[in-house]
């Protein structure tokens, strides 16, 4: 069997809703025949940036090397100030963006609807990463 590709992923999420982030990380970690590296910025490992410009530059360094960006697309993203910046950074590097719809979500923010959407299911998420990632 050939070696698995290791996907470098950035997961865009709001720290105020980080339980979904941690569930997605656990789901990807447990996925069969799937290897990935996490370039996200979880609340327990924040970027060291003192200014808005430094934070934008640090996010750029996190997103630049990834194969894809996943956006947890609960409705709270409409209130997340850095989501648009993360999307623009990803688009600037032509990184694929995949929206992950949390379980039970009935609506997806318009900002995320422009990208491929996948439901909260291990096979669906991993398939979308394999289909869209660089």
N, C-alpha and C. Protein backbone atom coordinates (compact mmCIF):
# COMPACT_ATOMS: atom_id res chain seq x y z
N UNK A 1 0.84 -1.18 0.00
CA UNK A 1 0.00 0.00 0.00
C UNK A 1 0.89 1.24 0.00
N UNK A 2 0.60 2.23 -0.86
CA UNK A 2 1.42 3.44 -0.91
C UNK A 2 1.25 4.25 0.38
N UNK A 3 2.22 5.08 0.65
CA UNK A 3 2.16 5.93 1.84
C UNK A 3 1.00 6.91 1.71
N UNK A 4 0.38 7.21 2.83
CA UNK A 4 -0.71 8.18 2.83
C UNK A 4 -0.17 9.59 2.69
N UNK A 5 -0.91 10.41 1.98
CA UNK A 5 -0.58 11.83 1.92
C UNK A 5 -0.93 12.42 3.29
N UNK A 6 -0.08 13.26 3.79
CA UNK A 6 -0.37 13.98 5.03
C UNK A 6 -0.88 15.36 4.64
N UNK A 7 -2.09 15.68 5.06
CA UNK A 7 -2.73 16.95 4.73
C UNK A 7 -2.43 17.97 5.82
N UNK A 8 -1.94 19.13 5.41
CA UNK A 8 -1.74 20.24 6.33
C UNK A 8 -3.00 21.09 6.27
N UNK A 9 -3.67 21.23 7.44
CA UNK A 9 -4.97 21.89 7.48
C UNK A 9 -4.99 23.03 8.50
N UNK A 10 -5.70 24.07 8.14
CA UNK A 10 -6.00 25.17 9.06
C UNK A 10 -7.49 25.12 9.30
N UNK A 11 -7.91 25.05 10.55
CA UNK A 11 -9.33 25.03 10.90
C UNK A 11 -9.69 26.39 11.48
N UNK A 12 -10.50 27.12 10.75
CA UNK A 12 -10.97 28.42 11.21
C UNK A 12 -12.12 28.19 12.18
N UNK A 13 -12.01 28.80 13.35
CA UNK A 13 -13.04 28.59 14.37
C UNK A 13 -13.02 29.76 15.35
N UNK A 14 -14.09 29.89 16.09
CA UNK A 14 -14.17 30.92 17.13
C UNK A 14 -13.83 30.30 18.47
N UNK A 15 -12.95 30.94 19.21
CA UNK A 15 -12.57 30.42 20.52
C UNK A 15 -13.77 30.31 21.45
N UNK A 16 -14.78 31.16 21.26
CA UNK A 16 -15.95 31.09 22.12
C UNK A 16 -16.80 29.84 21.85
N UNK A 17 -16.51 29.16 20.74
CA UNK A 17 -17.21 27.93 20.38
C UNK A 17 -16.20 26.82 20.13
N UNK A 18 -15.16 26.76 20.95
CA UNK A 18 -14.07 25.84 20.65
C UNK A 18 -14.39 24.38 20.89
N UNK A 19 -15.53 24.06 21.49
CA UNK A 19 -15.88 22.64 21.66
C UNK A 19 -16.08 21.97 20.30
N UNK A 20 -16.62 22.69 19.32
CA UNK A 20 -16.76 22.14 17.97
C UNK A 20 -15.39 21.93 17.34
N UNK A 21 -14.49 22.86 17.56
CA UNK A 21 -13.12 22.72 17.05
C UNK A 21 -12.49 21.45 17.61
N UNK A 22 -12.58 21.25 18.91
CA UNK A 22 -11.96 20.08 19.53
C UNK A 22 -12.62 18.78 19.05
N UNK A 23 -13.93 18.80 18.81
CA UNK A 23 -14.60 17.61 18.27
C UNK A 23 -14.12 17.31 16.85
N UNK A 24 -13.93 18.36 16.04
CA UNK A 24 -13.45 18.15 14.68
C UNK A 24 -12.02 17.62 14.68
N UNK A 25 -11.17 18.14 15.54
CA UNK A 25 -9.80 17.64 15.66
C UNK A 25 -9.82 16.16 16.04
N UNK A 26 -10.64 15.81 17.01
CA UNK A 26 -10.74 14.40 17.44
C UNK A 26 -11.26 13.52 16.30
N UNK A 27 -12.22 14.02 15.55
CA UNK A 27 -12.77 13.28 14.42
C UNK A 27 -11.69 13.03 13.37
N UNK A 28 -10.91 14.05 13.03
CA UNK A 28 -9.84 13.89 12.03
C UNK A 28 -8.74 12.98 12.56
N UNK A 29 -8.42 13.10 13.84
CA UNK A 29 -7.39 12.23 14.43
C UNK A 29 -7.80 10.76 14.39
N UNK A 30 -9.10 10.49 14.52
CA UNK A 30 -9.59 9.12 14.57
C UNK A 30 -9.95 8.55 13.19
N UNK A 31 -9.92 9.39 12.16
CA UNK A 31 -10.31 8.93 10.82
C UNK A 31 -9.36 7.84 10.31
N UNK A 32 -9.94 6.80 9.75
CA UNK A 32 -9.15 5.69 9.21
C UNK A 32 -8.40 6.11 7.96
N UNK A 33 -7.17 5.66 7.83
CA UNK A 33 -6.36 5.91 6.64
C UNK A 33 -6.29 7.39 6.27
N UNK A 34 -6.14 8.22 7.28
CA UNK A 34 -6.08 9.66 7.06
C UNK A 34 -5.00 10.25 7.96
N UNK A 35 -4.11 11.01 7.36
CA UNK A 35 -3.02 11.63 8.11
C UNK A 35 -3.07 13.14 7.89
N UNK A 36 -2.92 13.88 8.99
CA UNK A 36 -2.99 15.34 8.86
C UNK A 36 -2.13 16.01 9.92
N UNK A 37 -1.80 17.29 9.63
CA UNK A 37 -1.11 18.15 10.58
C UNK A 37 -1.97 19.38 10.80
N UNK A 38 -2.02 19.81 12.04
CA UNK A 38 -2.90 20.90 12.44
C UNK A 38 -2.14 22.22 12.47
N UNK A 39 -2.53 23.14 11.60
CA UNK A 39 -1.95 24.48 11.55
C UNK A 39 -2.89 25.52 12.15
N UNK A 40 -3.90 25.08 12.87
CA UNK A 40 -4.90 25.97 13.45
C UNK A 40 -4.31 26.76 14.61
N UNK A 41 -5.13 27.65 15.15
CA UNK A 41 -4.74 28.47 16.29
C UNK A 41 -5.75 28.24 17.41
N UNK A 42 -5.58 27.16 18.17
CA UNK A 42 -6.51 26.88 19.26
C UNK A 42 -6.27 27.82 20.45
N UNK A 43 -7.26 27.93 21.30
CA UNK A 43 -7.15 28.84 22.43
C UNK A 43 -6.03 28.45 23.40
N UNK A 44 -5.65 27.19 23.42
CA UNK A 44 -4.58 26.76 24.32
C UNK A 44 -3.19 26.97 23.73
N UNK A 45 -3.12 27.44 22.47
CA UNK A 45 -1.84 27.71 21.82
C UNK A 45 -1.97 28.95 20.93
N UNK A 46 -2.23 30.10 21.52
CA UNK A 46 -2.49 31.30 20.73
C UNK A 46 -1.24 31.82 20.03
N UNK A 47 -1.47 32.60 18.98
CA UNK A 47 -0.36 33.26 18.30
C UNK A 47 0.18 34.36 19.19
N UNK A 48 1.47 34.57 19.14
CA UNK A 48 2.11 35.62 19.92
C UNK A 48 2.16 36.88 19.05
N UNK A 49 1.13 37.68 19.14
CA UNK A 49 1.05 38.91 18.35
C UNK A 49 0.43 40.01 19.22
N UNK A 50 1.07 41.16 19.23
CA UNK A 50 0.61 42.25 20.11
C UNK A 50 -0.22 43.30 19.38
N UNK A 51 -0.19 43.28 18.05
CA UNK A 51 -0.94 44.27 17.28
C UNK A 51 -1.80 43.55 16.25
N UNK A 52 -2.75 44.27 15.70
CA UNK A 52 -3.60 43.71 14.65
C UNK A 52 -2.76 43.31 13.44
N UNK A 53 -1.79 44.14 13.08
CA UNK A 53 -0.93 43.83 11.93
C UNK A 53 -0.09 42.59 12.21
N UNK A 54 0.41 42.47 13.43
CA UNK A 54 1.22 41.28 13.79
C UNK A 54 0.36 40.03 13.78
N UNK A 55 -0.89 40.14 14.23
CA UNK A 55 -1.79 38.99 14.22
C UNK A 55 -2.11 38.58 12.78
N UNK A 56 -2.36 39.55 11.93
CA UNK A 56 -2.63 39.24 10.51
C UNK A 56 -1.43 38.55 9.88
N UNK A 57 -0.24 39.02 10.17
CA UNK A 57 0.98 38.40 9.62
C UNK A 57 1.16 36.98 10.17
N UNK A 58 0.86 36.79 11.44
CA UNK A 58 0.98 35.46 12.04
C UNK A 58 -0.03 34.49 11.43
N UNK A 59 -1.26 34.96 11.20
CA UNK A 59 -2.26 34.11 10.53
C UNK A 59 -1.81 33.76 9.12
N UNK A 60 -1.22 34.72 8.43
CA UNK A 60 -0.69 34.47 7.10
C UNK A 60 0.35 33.34 7.14
N UNK A 61 1.23 33.37 8.13
CA UNK A 61 2.25 32.31 8.25
C UNK A 61 1.63 30.96 8.57
N UNK A 62 0.50 30.94 9.26
CA UNK A 62 -0.18 29.68 9.58
C UNK A 62 -0.88 29.10 8.35
N UNK A 63 -1.48 29.96 7.55
CA UNK A 63 -2.30 29.52 6.42
C UNK A 63 -1.45 29.24 5.17
N UNK A 64 -0.37 29.97 4.98
CA UNK A 64 0.44 29.84 3.76
C UNK A 64 0.82 28.40 3.42
N UNK A 65 1.28 27.57 4.36
CA UNK A 65 1.74 26.23 3.98
C UNK A 65 0.66 25.15 3.88
N UNK A 66 -0.60 25.46 4.19
CA UNK A 66 -1.60 24.40 4.28
C UNK A 66 -2.11 23.95 2.91
N UNK A 67 -2.71 22.75 2.93
CA UNK A 67 -3.32 22.19 1.72
C UNK A 67 -4.78 22.60 1.58
N UNK A 68 -5.40 22.98 2.71
CA UNK A 68 -6.81 23.40 2.69
C UNK A 68 -7.15 24.10 4.00
N UNK A 69 -8.19 24.92 3.94
CA UNK A 69 -8.72 25.61 5.12
C UNK A 69 -10.13 25.08 5.35
N UNK A 70 -10.40 24.63 6.57
CA UNK A 70 -11.73 24.21 6.97
C UNK A 70 -12.35 25.32 7.80
N UNK A 71 -13.61 25.64 7.52
CA UNK A 71 -14.31 26.65 8.30
C UNK A 71 -15.47 25.98 9.02
N UNK A 72 -15.46 26.01 10.34
CA UNK A 72 -16.61 25.54 11.10
C UNK A 72 -17.70 26.57 10.90
N UNK A 73 -18.75 26.18 10.21
CA UNK A 73 -19.70 27.16 9.69
C UNK A 73 -21.01 27.23 10.45
N UNK A 74 -20.91 27.28 11.77
CA UNK A 74 -22.09 27.60 12.58
C UNK A 74 -22.43 29.07 12.37
N UNK A 75 -23.60 29.50 12.74
CA UNK A 75 -24.01 30.87 12.50
C UNK A 75 -23.16 31.89 13.25
N UNK A 76 -22.44 31.48 14.28
CA UNK A 76 -21.60 32.41 15.02
C UNK A 76 -20.49 33.02 14.17
N UNK A 77 -20.17 32.41 13.03
CA UNK A 77 -19.10 32.97 12.20
C UNK A 77 -19.46 34.36 11.69
N UNK A 78 -20.75 34.67 11.64
CA UNK A 78 -21.15 36.00 11.20
C UNK A 78 -20.61 37.08 12.12
N UNK A 79 -20.27 36.71 13.34
CA UNK A 79 -19.81 37.68 14.32
C UNK A 79 -18.31 37.57 14.59
N UNK A 80 -17.64 36.79 13.82
CA UNK A 80 -16.22 36.56 14.05
C UNK A 80 -15.38 37.52 13.23
N UNK A 81 -14.67 38.42 13.87
CA UNK A 81 -13.97 39.48 13.15
C UNK A 81 -12.84 38.98 12.26
N UNK A 82 -12.22 37.85 12.58
CA UNK A 82 -11.07 37.41 11.82
C UNK A 82 -11.41 36.43 10.70
N UNK A 83 -12.64 35.97 10.64
CA UNK A 83 -13.00 35.00 9.60
C UNK A 83 -12.75 35.56 8.20
N UNK A 84 -13.19 36.78 7.96
CA UNK A 84 -13.00 37.37 6.64
C UNK A 84 -11.52 37.47 6.31
N UNK A 85 -10.69 37.86 7.28
CA UNK A 85 -9.25 37.95 7.04
C UNK A 85 -8.67 36.58 6.71
N UNK A 86 -9.09 35.54 7.43
CA UNK A 86 -8.59 34.19 7.15
C UNK A 86 -8.99 33.74 5.76
N UNK A 87 -10.22 34.04 5.36
CA UNK A 87 -10.68 33.69 4.01
C UNK A 87 -9.85 34.42 2.97
N UNK A 88 -9.62 35.71 3.17
CA UNK A 88 -8.84 36.48 2.20
C UNK A 88 -7.40 35.98 2.10
N UNK A 89 -6.80 35.62 3.24
CA UNK A 89 -5.45 35.07 3.20
C UNK A 89 -5.44 33.77 2.40
N UNK A 90 -6.40 32.88 2.70
CA UNK A 90 -6.48 31.60 1.99
C UNK A 90 -6.68 31.82 0.49
N UNK A 91 -7.58 32.72 0.14
CA UNK A 91 -7.81 32.99 -1.28
C UNK A 91 -6.59 33.61 -1.94
N UNK A 92 -5.85 34.41 -1.21
CA UNK A 92 -4.64 35.02 -1.75
C UNK A 92 -3.60 33.98 -2.14
N UNK A 93 -3.61 32.85 -1.45
CA UNK A 93 -2.70 31.75 -1.78
C UNK A 93 -3.39 30.64 -2.57
N UNK A 94 -4.61 30.90 -3.04
CA UNK A 94 -5.41 29.93 -3.79
C UNK A 94 -5.60 28.62 -3.02
N UNK A 95 -5.80 28.74 -1.71
CA UNK A 95 -6.03 27.56 -0.87
C UNK A 95 -7.50 27.18 -0.95
N UNK A 96 -7.80 25.91 -1.11
CA UNK A 96 -9.20 25.48 -1.09
C UNK A 96 -9.80 25.74 0.29
N UNK A 97 -11.05 26.15 0.29
CA UNK A 97 -11.78 26.40 1.54
C UNK A 97 -12.98 25.47 1.54
N UNK A 98 -13.17 24.77 2.67
CA UNK A 98 -14.28 23.82 2.81
C UNK A 98 -15.05 24.21 4.06
N UNK A 99 -16.35 24.39 3.93
CA UNK A 99 -17.21 24.68 5.08
C UNK A 99 -17.69 23.39 5.70
N UNK A 100 -17.53 23.27 7.01
CA UNK A 100 -18.01 22.09 7.74
C UNK A 100 -19.23 22.52 8.55
N UNK A 101 -20.38 21.93 8.23
CA UNK A 101 -21.64 22.30 8.88
C UNK A 101 -21.78 21.49 10.17
N UNK A 102 -21.82 22.17 11.32
CA UNK A 102 -21.94 21.46 12.59
C UNK A 102 -23.25 20.66 12.67
N UNK A 103 -23.22 19.61 13.46
CA UNK A 103 -24.43 18.79 13.67
C UNK A 103 -25.57 19.68 14.14
N UNK A 104 -26.72 19.46 13.53
CA UNK A 104 -27.93 20.17 13.95
C UNK A 104 -28.07 21.57 13.40
N UNK A 105 -27.07 22.07 12.69
CA UNK A 105 -27.17 23.42 12.14
C UNK A 105 -28.21 23.44 11.02
N UNK A 106 -29.09 24.41 11.08
CA UNK A 106 -30.13 24.53 10.06
C UNK A 106 -29.78 25.56 9.00
N UNK A 107 -28.86 26.47 9.36
CA UNK A 107 -28.47 27.51 8.41
C UNK A 107 -26.96 27.62 8.39
N UNK A 108 -26.46 28.11 7.26
CA UNK A 108 -25.03 28.34 7.06
C UNK A 108 -24.87 29.81 6.69
N UNK A 109 -23.94 30.51 7.29
CA UNK A 109 -23.75 31.93 6.97
C UNK A 109 -23.46 32.14 5.49
N UNK A 110 -23.96 33.23 4.94
CA UNK A 110 -23.75 33.54 3.52
C UNK A 110 -22.27 33.59 3.18
N UNK A 111 -21.45 34.07 4.08
CA UNK A 111 -20.01 34.17 3.86
C UNK A 111 -19.39 32.81 3.53
N UNK A 112 -19.95 31.74 4.08
CA UNK A 112 -19.39 30.40 3.90
C UNK A 112 -20.07 29.66 2.75
N UNK A 113 -21.26 30.08 2.36
CA UNK A 113 -22.02 29.38 1.31
C UNK A 113 -21.32 29.40 -0.04
N UNK A 114 -20.35 30.28 -0.23
CA UNK A 114 -19.64 30.36 -1.51
C UNK A 114 -18.66 29.21 -1.70
N UNK A 115 -18.42 28.43 -0.65
CA UNK A 115 -17.43 27.36 -0.69
C UNK A 115 -18.12 26.00 -0.61
N UNK A 116 -17.41 24.94 -1.02
CA UNK A 116 -17.99 23.60 -0.85
C UNK A 116 -18.34 23.38 0.62
N UNK A 117 -19.52 22.83 0.85
CA UNK A 117 -19.99 22.55 2.21
C UNK A 117 -20.09 21.05 2.41
N UNK A 118 -19.78 20.61 3.61
CA UNK A 118 -19.84 19.20 3.94
C UNK A 118 -20.51 19.07 5.30
N UNK A 119 -21.32 18.04 5.45
CA UNK A 119 -21.98 17.81 6.74
C UNK A 119 -21.01 17.17 7.73
N UNK A 120 -21.36 17.25 8.98
CA UNK A 120 -20.55 16.74 10.08
C UNK A 120 -20.59 15.22 10.08
N UNK A 121 -19.68 14.64 9.31
CA UNK A 121 -19.59 13.19 9.17
C UNK A 121 -18.15 12.90 8.76
N UNK A 122 -17.51 11.97 9.45
CA UNK A 122 -16.09 11.70 9.19
C UNK A 122 -15.82 11.43 7.72
N UNK A 123 -16.56 10.50 7.12
CA UNK A 123 -16.32 10.15 5.72
C UNK A 123 -16.51 11.35 4.79
N UNK A 124 -17.55 12.14 5.04
CA UNK A 124 -17.81 13.31 4.19
C UNK A 124 -16.70 14.34 4.31
N UNK A 125 -16.24 14.60 5.52
CA UNK A 125 -15.19 15.61 5.74
C UNK A 125 -13.88 15.15 5.10
N UNK A 126 -13.49 13.92 5.37
CA UNK A 126 -12.24 13.39 4.82
C UNK A 126 -12.32 13.33 3.29
N UNK A 127 -13.45 12.93 2.74
CA UNK A 127 -13.61 12.89 1.28
C UNK A 127 -13.48 14.28 0.68
N UNK A 128 -14.07 15.28 1.33
CA UNK A 128 -13.99 16.65 0.83
C UNK A 128 -12.55 17.16 0.88
N UNK A 129 -11.84 16.83 1.95
CA UNK A 129 -10.43 17.24 2.03
C UNK A 129 -9.64 16.58 0.90
N UNK A 130 -9.83 15.30 0.71
CA UNK A 130 -9.10 14.61 -0.36
C UNK A 130 -9.46 15.15 -1.74
N UNK A 131 -10.71 15.54 -1.94
CA UNK A 131 -11.16 16.02 -3.24
C UNK A 131 -10.69 17.45 -3.54
N UNK A 132 -10.59 18.29 -2.50
CA UNK A 132 -10.32 19.70 -2.74
C UNK A 132 -8.93 20.17 -2.36
N UNK A 133 -8.26 19.47 -1.46
CA UNK A 133 -6.95 19.94 -0.97
C UNK A 133 -5.90 19.93 -2.06
N UNK A 134 -4.95 20.81 -1.93
CA UNK A 134 -3.84 20.89 -2.87
C UNK A 134 -2.91 19.69 -2.69
